[in-house]
C-alpha atoms as a PDB file:
ATOM      1  CA  MET A   1       0.000   0.000   0.000  1.00  0.00           C
ATOM      2  CA  LEU A   2       2.810   2.415   0.853  1.00  0.00           C
ATOM      3  CA  ALA A   3       4.548   1.575  -2.414  1.00  0.00           C
ATOM      4  CA  ARG A   4       1.392   2.388  -4.359  1.00  0.00           C
ATOM      5  CA  LEU A   5       1.073   5.754  -2.600  1.00  0.00           C
ATOM      6  CA  LYS A   6       4.693   6.523  -3.494  1.00  0.00           C
ATOM      7  CA  ASN A   7       3.945   5.727  -7.124  1.00  0.00           C
ATOM      8  CA  TYR A   8       0.928   8.030  -7.077  1.00  0.00           C
ATOM      9  CA  LEU A   9       3.043  10.755  -5.509  1.00  0.00           C
ATOM     10  CA  PHE A  10       5.733  10.429  -8.196  1.00  0.00           C
ATOM     11  CA  VAL A  11       3.112  10.509 -10.940  1.00  0.00           C
ATOM     12  CA  ALA A  12       1.540  13.636  -9.402  1.00  0.00           C
ATOM     13  CA  ILE A  13       4.947  15.336  -9.194  1.00  0.00           C
ATOM     14  CA  ALA A  14       5.709  14.434 -12.818  1.00  0.00           C
ATOM     15  CA  ILE A  15       2.355  15.801 -13.989  1.00  0.00           C
ATOM     16  CA  GLY A  16       2.894  18.986 -11.979  1.00  0.00           C
ATOM     17  CA  ALA A  17       6.372  19.478 -13.435  1.00  0.00           C
ATOM     18  CA  PHE A  18       5.074  18.948 -16.976  1.00  0.00           C
ATOM     19  CA  TYR A  19       2.284  21.459 -16.357  1.00  0.00           C
ATOM     20  CA  PHE A  20       4.847  23.978 -15.078  1.00  0.00           C
ATOM     21  CA  VAL A  21       6.931  23.546 -18.234  1.00  0.00           C
ATOM     22  CA  LEU A  22       3.849  23.916 -20.438  1.00  0.00           C
ATOM     23  CA  SER A  23       2.752  27.111 -18.717  1.00  0.00           C
ATOM     24  CA  HIS A  24       6.055  29.042 -18.694  1.00  0.00           C
ATOM     25  CA  HIS A  25       8.614  30.435 -21.136  1.00  0.00           C
ATOM     26  CA  PHE A  26      12.191  29.864 -19.955  1.00  0.00           C
ATOM     27  CA  ILE A  27      14.189  32.820 -21.312  1.00  0.00           C
ATOM     28  CA  PHE A  28      17.960  32.330 -21.226  1.00  0.00           C
ATOM     29  CA  SER A  29      20.237  35.369 -21.113  1.00  0.00           C
ATOM     30  CA  SER A  30      23.305  33.301 -20.299  1.00  0.00           C
ATOM     31  CA  PHE A  31      24.005  29.772 -19.150  1.00  0.00           C
ATOM     32  CA  LYS A  32      23.107  30.523 -15.527  1.00  0.00           C
ATOM     33  CA  ASP A  33      20.699  33.418 -15.993  1.00  0.00           C
ATOM     34  CA  VAL A  34      17.109  32.311 -16.664  1.00  0.00           C
ATOM     35  CA  ASP A  35      13.912  34.363 -16.551  1.00  0.00           C
ATOM     36  CA  LEU A  36      10.397  32.943 -16.444  1.00  0.00           C
ATOM     37  CA  LEU A  37       7.411  34.334 -18.301  1.00  0.00           C
ATOM     38  CA  ASN A  38       3.854  33.031 -17.985  1.00  0.00           C
ATOM     39  CA  LYS A  39       2.369  31.733 -21.221  1.00  0.00           C
ATOM     40  CA  LYS A  40      -1.090  32.741 -22.366  1.00  0.00           C
ATOM     41  CA  GLU A  41      -1.898  29.147 -23.414  1.00  0.00           C
ATOM     42  CA  LEU A  42      -0.436  25.735 -22.644  1.00  0.00           C
ATOM     43  CA  THR A  43       1.907  24.798 -25.503  1.00  0.00           C
ATOM     44  CA  LEU A  44       5.475  23.722 -26.018  1.00  0.00           C
ATOM     45  CA  ALA A  45       6.059  26.550 -28.526  1.00  0.00           C
ATOM     46  CA  TYR A  46       8.981  28.746 -27.475  1.00  0.00           C
ATOM     47  CA  THR A  47       9.231  27.079 -24.081  1.00  0.00           C
ATOM     48  CA  PHE A  48      13.025  27.450 -24.087  1.00  0.00           C
ATOM     49  CA  TYR A  49      14.347  30.592 -25.789  1.00  0.00           C
ATOM     50  CA  SER A  50      17.750  32.290 -25.757  1.00  0.00           C
ATOM     51  CA  ILE A  51      17.762  36.057 -26.231  1.00  0.00           C
ATOM     52  CA  ARG A  52      21.526  36.022 -26.825  1.00  0.00           C
ATOM     53  CA  GLN A  53      21.177  33.938 -29.999  1.00  0.00           C
ATOM     54  CA  HIS A  54      18.543  36.169 -31.596  1.00  0.00           C
ATOM     55  CA  SER A  55      18.361  39.872 -32.293  1.00  0.00           C
ATOM     56  CA  PRO A  56      15.762  41.925 -30.427  1.00  0.00           C
ATOM     57  CA  ILE A  57      13.759  42.480 -33.629  1.00  0.00           C
ATOM     58  CA  GLU A  58      13.584  38.716 -34.248  1.00  0.00           C
ATOM     59  CA  THR A  59      12.507  38.150 -30.670  1.00  0.00           C
ATOM     60  CA  LEU A  60       9.823  40.831 -30.781  1.00  0.00           C
ATOM     61  CA  ARG A  61       8.346  39.370 -33.976  1.00  0.00           C
ATOM     62  CA  ILE A  62       7.382  36.206 -32.116  1.00  0.00           C
ATOM     63  CA  GLU A  63       3.792  36.786 -31.036  1.00  0.00           C
ATOM     64  CA  PRO A  64       3.661  34.339 -28.069  1.00  0.00           C
ATOM     65  CA  LEU A  65       6.758  35.948 -26.538  1.00  0.00           C
ATOM     66  CA  ARG A  66       5.395  39.456 -27.060  1.00  0.00           C
ATOM     67  CA  ASN A  67       2.123  38.465 -25.424  1.00  0.00           C
ATOM     68  CA  ALA A  68       4.056  37.115 -22.442  1.00  0.00           C
ATOM     69  CA  GLY A  69       6.035  40.362 -21.998  1.00  0.00           C
ATOM     70  CA  ILE A  70       9.476  39.642 -23.455  1.00  0.00           C
ATOM     71  CA  GLU A  71      10.037  43.371 -23.982  1.00  0.00           C
ATOM     72  CA  ASN A  72      10.379  43.862 -20.226  1.00  0.00           C
ATOM     73  CA  ILE A  73      13.230  41.355 -20.108  1.00  0.00           C
ATOM     74  CA  LEU A  74      14.938  43.014 -23.081  1.00  0.00           C
ATOM     75  CA  LEU A  75      14.672  46.385 -21.332  1.00  0.00           C
ATOM     76  CA  ASP A  76      15.903  45.017 -17.991  1.00  0.00           C
ATOM     77  CA  ARG A  77      18.900  43.345 -19.630  1.00  0.00           C
ATOM     78  CA  GLY A  78      19.859  46.585 -21.405  1.00  0.00           C
ATOM     79  CA  MET A  79      19.445  45.094 -24.867  1.00  0.00           C
ATOM     80  CA  LEU A  80      16.983  47.836 -25.837  1.00  0.00           C
ATOM     81  CA  SER A  81      16.134  51.359 -24.811  1.00  0.00           C
ATOM     82  CA  GLU A  82      12.551  52.607 -24.494  1.00  0.00           C
ATOM     83  CA  GLN A  83      12.871  54.651 -27.706  1.00  0.00           C
ATOM     84  CA  LEU A  84      14.320  51.760 -29.713  1.00  0.00           C
ATOM     85  CA  LEU A  85      11.643  49.425 -28.369  1.00  0.00           C
ATOM     86  CA  ASP A  86       8.902  51.817 -29.502  1.00  0.00           C
ATOM     87  CA  GLN A  87      10.507  52.113 -32.947  1.00  0.00           C
ATOM     88  CA  LEU A  88      10.820  48.349 -33.341  1.00  0.00           C
ATOM     89  CA  LEU A  89       7.246  47.708 -32.204  1.00  0.00           C
ATOM     90  CA  ASP A  90       5.955  50.347 -34.646  1.00  0.00           C
ATOM     91  CA  GLN A  91       8.012  48.760 -37.426  1.00  0.00           C
ATOM     92  CA  ILE A  92       6.712  45.270 -36.628  1.00  0.00           C
ATOM     93  CA  ASP A  93       3.090  46.461 -36.382  1.00  0.00           C
ATOM     94  CA  SER A  94       3.332  48.330 -39.700  1.00  0.00           C
ATOM     95  CA  GLN A  95       4.536  45.158 -41.463  1.00  0.00           C
ATOM     96  CA  LYS A  96       1.437  43.213 -40.456  1.00  0.00           C
END
């Protein structure tokens, strides 16, 4: 009986961990520096994303990341200024 409860506990932990991965974007700035953003819907799209491997304009073009608030991370990391962010967002919105 105790063994069965342990199995149920491990299954519950595994399901909880999978749900956590599905509901968050893991944004890597460096190997040890990771930021979390809440996703708007449960998907595996852009779950793990490195902002050092992509330019800010490429990152801002990704709609799920923009909806989650990636621009705040880019501003906090000093990759963009407020003025440049506004220009890039205007440029992206005009291309749609």
